[in-house]
Amino acid sequence: MNESKTALKETYAAIEKELRVVASVIKETGRQLLKDVGITPPQFVALQWIAEEEGITIGELSARVYMPFSTTTDMIDRLEEKGLVKRVKDERDKRLVRIHLQAKGSELIRAVIRKRQDFLAEKLEGLSAEDLRAFQAGLDHLYQEIKKDL
């Protein structure tokens, strides 16, 4: 392998490691808030999917969170008890039950994301506006490429 390919592989490896660490630390900053309200990280991920796909079924959610249907059902039971989501029978097909985010669930998502964003803003404070725009453009490119595979 020539020197430039080796350097490129090392760059990709460094980027992967740094993205993994950054993502982990950002997630962790919101976890204390989740603990305070008695929500587990998998429950929060489920809430985010429900917010993304309003009216998602338990089967669809189960596939998104990579959990068995029965585990997802139990998780929705707990989220519903906390007033974060609500089950609603589908009007066209009564066999289907759709999950809807409640106002309390929306506020929890906003609060956790706000805490993560504040943490990120603090860490990026030293970048110039130009460097910040370039960083965001690179991340956006990566995001768009990954999104194609989803």
C-alpha atoms as a PDB file:
ATOM      1  CA  MET A   1       0.000   0.000   0.000  1.00  0.00           C
ATOM      2  CA  ASN A   2       1.403   3.379  -0.884  1.00  0.00           C
ATOM      3  CA  GLU A   3       2.040   6.084   1.687  1.00  0.00           C
ATOM      4  CA  SER A   4      -1.006   8.217   0.791  1.00  0.00           C
ATOM      5  CA  LYS A   5      -3.403   5.260   1.107  1.00  0.00           C
ATOM      6  CA  THR A   6      -1.876   4.373   4.465  1.00  0.00           C
ATOM      7  CA  ALA A   7      -2.241   7.960   5.670  1.00  0.00           C
ATOM      8  CA  LEU A   8      -5.834   8.041   4.451  1.00  0.00           C
ATOM      9  CA  LYS A   9      -6.658   4.796   6.317  1.00  0.00           C
ATOM     10  CA  GLU A  10      -5.119   6.235   9.470  1.00  0.00           C
ATOM     11  CA  THR A  11      -7.181   9.406   9.039  1.00  0.00           C
ATOM     12  CA  TYR A  12     -10.406   7.391   8.643  1.00  0.00           C
ATOM     13  CA  ALA A  13      -9.526   5.340  11.731  1.00  0.00           C
ATOM     14  CA  ALA A  14      -8.911   8.506  13.753  1.00  0.00           C
ATOM     15  CA  ILE A  15     -12.183  10.063  12.566  1.00  0.00           C
ATOM     16  CA  GLU A  16     -14.144   6.918  13.461  1.00  0.00           C
ATOM     17  CA  LYS A  17     -12.625   6.782  16.936  1.00  0.00           C
ATOM     18  CA  GLU A  18     -13.174  10.477  17.607  1.00  0.00           C
ATOM     19  CA  LEU A  19     -16.785  10.376  16.366  1.00  0.00           C
ATOM     20  CA  ARG A  20     -17.462   7.357  18.588  1.00  0.00           C
ATOM     21  CA  VAL A  21     -16.017   9.073  21.670  1.00  0.00           C
ATOM     22  CA  VAL A  22     -17.746  12.399  20.950  1.00  0.00           C
ATOM     23  CA  ALA A  23     -21.122  10.705  20.390  1.00  0.00           C
ATOM     24  CA  SER A  24     -20.735   8.735  23.611  1.00  0.00           C
ATOM     25  CA  VAL A  25     -19.858  11.804  25.682  1.00  0.00           C
ATOM     26  CA  ILE A  26     -22.695  13.869  24.202  1.00  0.00           C
ATOM     27  CA  LYS A  27     -25.174  11.089  24.970  1.00  0.00           C
ATOM     28  CA  GLU A  28     -23.848  10.827  28.514  1.00  0.00           C
ATOM     29  CA  THR A  29     -24.469  14.531  29.158  1.00  0.00           C
ATOM     30  CA  GLY A  30     -28.203  13.949  28.733  1.00  0.00           C
ATOM     31  CA  ARG A  31     -28.342  10.757  30.763  1.00  0.00           C
ATOM     32  CA  GLN A  32     -28.404  12.489  34.143  1.00  0.00           C
ATOM     33  CA  LEU A  33     -31.597  14.237  33.137  1.00  0.00           C
ATOM     34  CA  LEU A  34     -33.021  10.850  32.099  1.00  0.00           C
ATOM     35  CA  LYS A  35     -32.083   9.410  35.502  1.00  0.00           C
ATOM     36  CA  ASP A  36     -33.792  12.323  37.228  1.00  0.00           C
ATOM     37  CA  VAL A  37     -37.094  11.510  35.483  1.00  0.00           C
ATOM     38  CA  GLY A  38     -36.690   7.727  35.668  1.00  0.00           C
ATOM     39  CA  ILE A  39     -36.184   7.071  31.966  1.00  0.00           C
ATOM     40  CA  THR A  40     -33.641   4.590  30.618  1.00  0.00           C
ATOM     41  CA  PRO A  41     -31.512   5.342  27.559  1.00  0.00           C
ATOM     42  CA  PRO A  42     -33.404   2.722  25.452  1.00  0.00           C
ATOM     43  CA  GLN A  43     -36.694   4.353  26.484  1.00  0.00           C
ATOM     44  CA  PHE A  44     -35.328   7.713  25.369  1.00  0.00           C
ATOM     45  CA  VAL A  45     -34.305   6.257  21.997  1.00  0.00           C
ATOM     46  CA  ALA A  46     -37.843   4.905  21.638  1.00  0.00           C
ATOM     47  CA  LEU A  47     -39.288   8.328  22.467  1.00  0.00           C
ATOM     48  CA  GLN A  48     -37.135   9.870  19.758  1.00  0.00           C
ATOM     49  CA  TRP A  49     -38.388   7.340  17.188  1.00  0.00           C
ATOM     50  CA  ILE A  50     -41.973   8.008  18.230  1.00  0.00           C
ATOM     51  CA  ALA A  51     -41.349  11.739  17.789  1.00  0.00           C
ATOM     52  CA  GLU A  52     -39.787  11.123  14.361  1.00  0.00           C
ATOM     53  CA  GLU A  53     -42.566   8.842  13.154  1.00  0.00           C
ATOM     54  CA  GLU A  54     -45.759  10.010  14.832  1.00  0.00           C
ATOM     55  CA  GLY A  55     -48.232   7.143  14.934  1.00  0.00           C
ATOM     56  CA  ILE A  56     -45.600   4.416  14.684  1.00  0.00           C
ATOM     57  CA  THR A  57     -46.821   0.927  15.589  1.00  0.00           C
ATOM     58  CA  ILE A  58     -45.179  -1.194  18.271  1.00  0.00           C
ATOM     59  CA  GLY A  59     -43.991  -3.585  15.563  1.00  0.00           C
ATOM     60  CA  GLU A  60     -42.361  -0.751  13.609  1.00  0.00           C
ATOM     61  CA  LEU A  61     -40.814   0.658  16.781  1.00  0.00           C
ATOM     62  CA  SER A  62     -39.548  -2.783  17.765  1.00  0.00           C
ATOM     63  CA  ALA A  63     -37.682  -3.012  14.452  1.00  0.00           C
ATOM     64  CA  ARG A  64     -36.216   0.501  14.879  1.00  0.00           C
ATOM     65  CA  VAL A  65     -34.902  -0.114  18.395  1.00  0.00           C
ATOM     66  CA  TYR A  66     -33.785  -3.692  17.673  1.00  0.00           C
ATOM     67  CA  MET A  67     -35.805  -5.182  20.513  1.00  0.00           C
ATOM     68  CA  PRO A  68     -38.269  -8.044  20.612  1.00  0.00           C
ATOM     69  CA  PHE A  69     -41.927  -7.081  20.254  1.00  0.00           C
ATOM     70  CA  SER A  70     -42.718  -8.139  23.845  1.00  0.00           C
ATOM     71  CA  THR A  71     -39.868  -6.032  25.277  1.00  0.00           C
ATOM     72  CA  THR A  72     -40.988  -3.030  23.228  1.00  0.00           C
ATOM     73  CA  THR A  73     -44.561  -3.502  24.457  1.00  0.00           C
ATOM     74  CA  ASP A  74     -43.357  -3.498  28.067  1.00  0.00           C
ATOM     75  CA  MET A  75     -41.302  -0.373  27.404  1.00  0.00           C
ATOM     76  CA  ILE A  76     -44.347   1.409  25.911  1.00  0.00           C
ATOM     77  CA  ASP A  77     -46.362   0.372  28.989  1.00  0.00           C
ATOM     78  CA  ARG A  78     -43.834   2.151  31.219  1.00  0.00           C
ATOM     79  CA  LEU A  79     -43.665   5.241  29.002  1.00  0.00           C
ATOM     80  CA  GLU A  80     -47.450   5.427  28.935  1.00  0.00           C
ATOM     81  CA  GLU A  81     -47.620   5.139  32.750  1.00  0.00           C
ATOM     82  CA  LYS A  82     -45.283   8.154  32.951  1.00  0.00           C
ATOM     83  CA  GLY A  83     -47.573  10.133  30.632  1.00  0.00           C
ATOM     84  CA  LEU A  84     -44.959  10.397  27.881  1.00  0.00           C
ATOM     85  CA  VAL A  85     -46.801   8.473  25.162  1.00  0.00           C
ATOM     86  CA  LYS A  86     -50.323   7.325  24.399  1.00  0.00           C
ATOM     87  CA  ARG A  87     -51.617   4.278  22.549  1.00  0.00           C
ATOM     88  CA  VAL A  88     -54.358   4.976  20.005  1.00  0.00           C
ATOM     89  CA  LYS A  89     -56.225   2.397  17.926  1.00  0.00           C
ATOM     90  CA  ASP A  90     -55.871   2.981  14.201  1.00  0.00           C
ATOM     91  CA  GLU A  91     -59.146   4.367  12.829  1.00  0.00           C
ATOM     92  CA  ARG A  92     -58.945   2.350   9.591  1.00  0.00           C
ATOM     93  CA  ASP A  93     -57.605  -0.909  11.022  1.00  0.00           C
ATOM     94  CA  LYS A  94     -58.694  -1.532  14.616  1.00  0.00           C
ATOM     95  CA  ARG A  95     -56.101  -4.319  14.961  1.00  0.00           C
ATOM     96  CA  LEU A  96     -53.316  -1.743  14.792  1.00  0.00           C
ATOM     97  CA  VAL A  97     -52.299   0.338  17.775  1.00  0.00           C
ATOM     98  CA  ARG A  98     -50.339   3.479  17.068  1.00  0.00           C
ATOM     99  CA  ILE A  99     -48.076   5.244  19.544  1.00  0.00           C
ATOM    100  CA  HIS A 100     -48.325   9.017  19.900  1.00  0.00           C
ATOM    101  CA  LEU A 101     -46.011  11.311  21.804  1.00  0.00           C
ATOM    102  CA  GLN A 102     -47.620  13.335  24.590  1.00  0.00           C
ATOM    103  CA  ALA A 103     -46.624  16.908  25.450  1.00  0.00           C
ATOM    104  CA  LYS A 104     -44.639  15.677  28.452  1.00  0.00           C
ATOM    105  CA  GLY A 105     -42.654  13.342  26.170  1.00  0.00           C
ATOM    106  CA  SER A 106     -41.930  16.149  23.713  1.00  0.00           C
ATOM    107  CA  GLU A 107     -40.694  18.388  26.524  1.00  0.00           C
ATOM    108  CA  LEU A 108     -38.419  15.645  27.855  1.00  0.00           C
ATOM    109  CA  ILE A 109     -36.857  15.169  24.416  1.00  0.00           C
ATOM    110  CA  ARG A 110     -36.378  18.932  24.040  1.00  0.00           C
ATOM    111  CA  ALA A 111     -34.801  19.223  27.500  1.00  0.00           C
ATOM    112  CA  VAL A 112     -32.308  16.398  26.910  1.00  0.00           C
ATOM    113  CA  ILE A 113     -31.371  17.674  23.452  1.00  0.00           C
ATOM    114  CA  ARG A 114     -31.037  21.226  24.789  1.00  0.00           C
ATOM    115  CA  LYS A 115     -28.647  19.965  27.474  1.00  0.00           C
ATOM    116  CA  ARG A 116     -26.606  18.105  24.843  1.00  0.00           C
ATOM    117  CA  GLN A 117     -26.535  21.160  22.566  1.00  0.00           C
ATOM    118  CA  ASP A 118     -25.426  23.431  25.413  1.00  0.00           C
ATOM    119  CA  PHE A 119     -22.598  21.006  26.196  1.00  0.00           C
ATOM    120  CA  LEU A 120     -21.565  20.920  22.541  1.00  0.00           C
ATOM    121  CA  ALA A 121     -21.719  24.714  22.230  1.00  0.00           C
ATOM    122  CA  GLU A 122     -19.418  25.019  25.240  1.00  0.00           C
ATOM    123  CA  LYS A 123     -16.899  22.634  23.684  1.00  0.00           C
ATOM    124  CA  LEU A 124     -16.989  24.335  20.270  1.00  0.00           C
ATOM    125  CA  GLU A 125     -16.703  27.868  21.694  1.00  0.00           C
ATOM    126  CA  GLY A 126     -13.078  28.275  20.614  1.00  0.00           C
ATOM    127  CA  LEU A 127     -13.724  27.697  16.903  1.00  0.00           C
ATOM    128  CA  SER A 128     -13.991  30.637  14.548  1.00  0.00           C
ATOM    129  CA  ALA A 129     -17.262  31.052  12.653  1.00  0.00           C
ATOM    130  CA  GLU A 130     -15.477  29.933   9.473  1.00  0.00           C
ATOM    131  CA  ASP A 131     -14.045  26.796  11.115  1.00  0.00           C
ATOM    132  CA  LEU A 132     -17.414  26.008  12.657  1.00  0.00           C
ATOM    133  CA  ARG A 133     -19.138  26.288   9.243  1.00  0.00           C
ATOM    134  CA  ALA A 134     -16.480  24.039   7.652  1.00  0.00           C
ATOM    135  CA  PHE A 135     -16.850  21.495  10.456  1.00  0.00           C
ATOM    136  CA  GLN A 136     -20.631  21.521  10.082  1.00  0.00           C
ATOM    137  CA  ALA A 137     -20.351  21.136   6.287  1.00  0.00           C
ATOM    138  CA  GLY A 138     -18.138  18.075   6.704  1.00  0.00           C
ATOM    139  CA  LEU A 139     -20.511  16.527   9.219  1.00  0.00           C
ATOM    140  CA  ASP A 140     -23.475  17.321   6.981  1.00  0.00           C
ATOM    141  CA  HIS A 141     -21.781  15.569   4.071  1.00  0.00           C
ATOM    142  CA  LEU A 142     -21.150  12.490   6.219  1.00  0.00           C
ATOM    143  CA  TYR A 143     -24.724  12.577   7.516  1.00  0.00           C
ATOM    144  CA  GLN A 144     -26.188  12.794   3.991  1.00  0.00           C
ATOM    145  CA  GLU A 145     -24.056   9.867   2.798  1.00  0.00           C
ATOM    146  CA  ILE A 146     -25.070   7.723   5.768  1.00  0.00           C
ATOM    147  CA  LYS A 147     -28.725   8.728   5.400  1.00  0.00           C
ATOM    148  CA  LYS A 148     -28.731   7.235   1.882  1.00  0.00           C
ATOM    149  CA  ASP A 149     -28.157   3.804   3.445  1.00  0.00           C
ATOM    150  CA  LEU A 150     -30.974   4.073   5.994  1.00  0.00           C
END
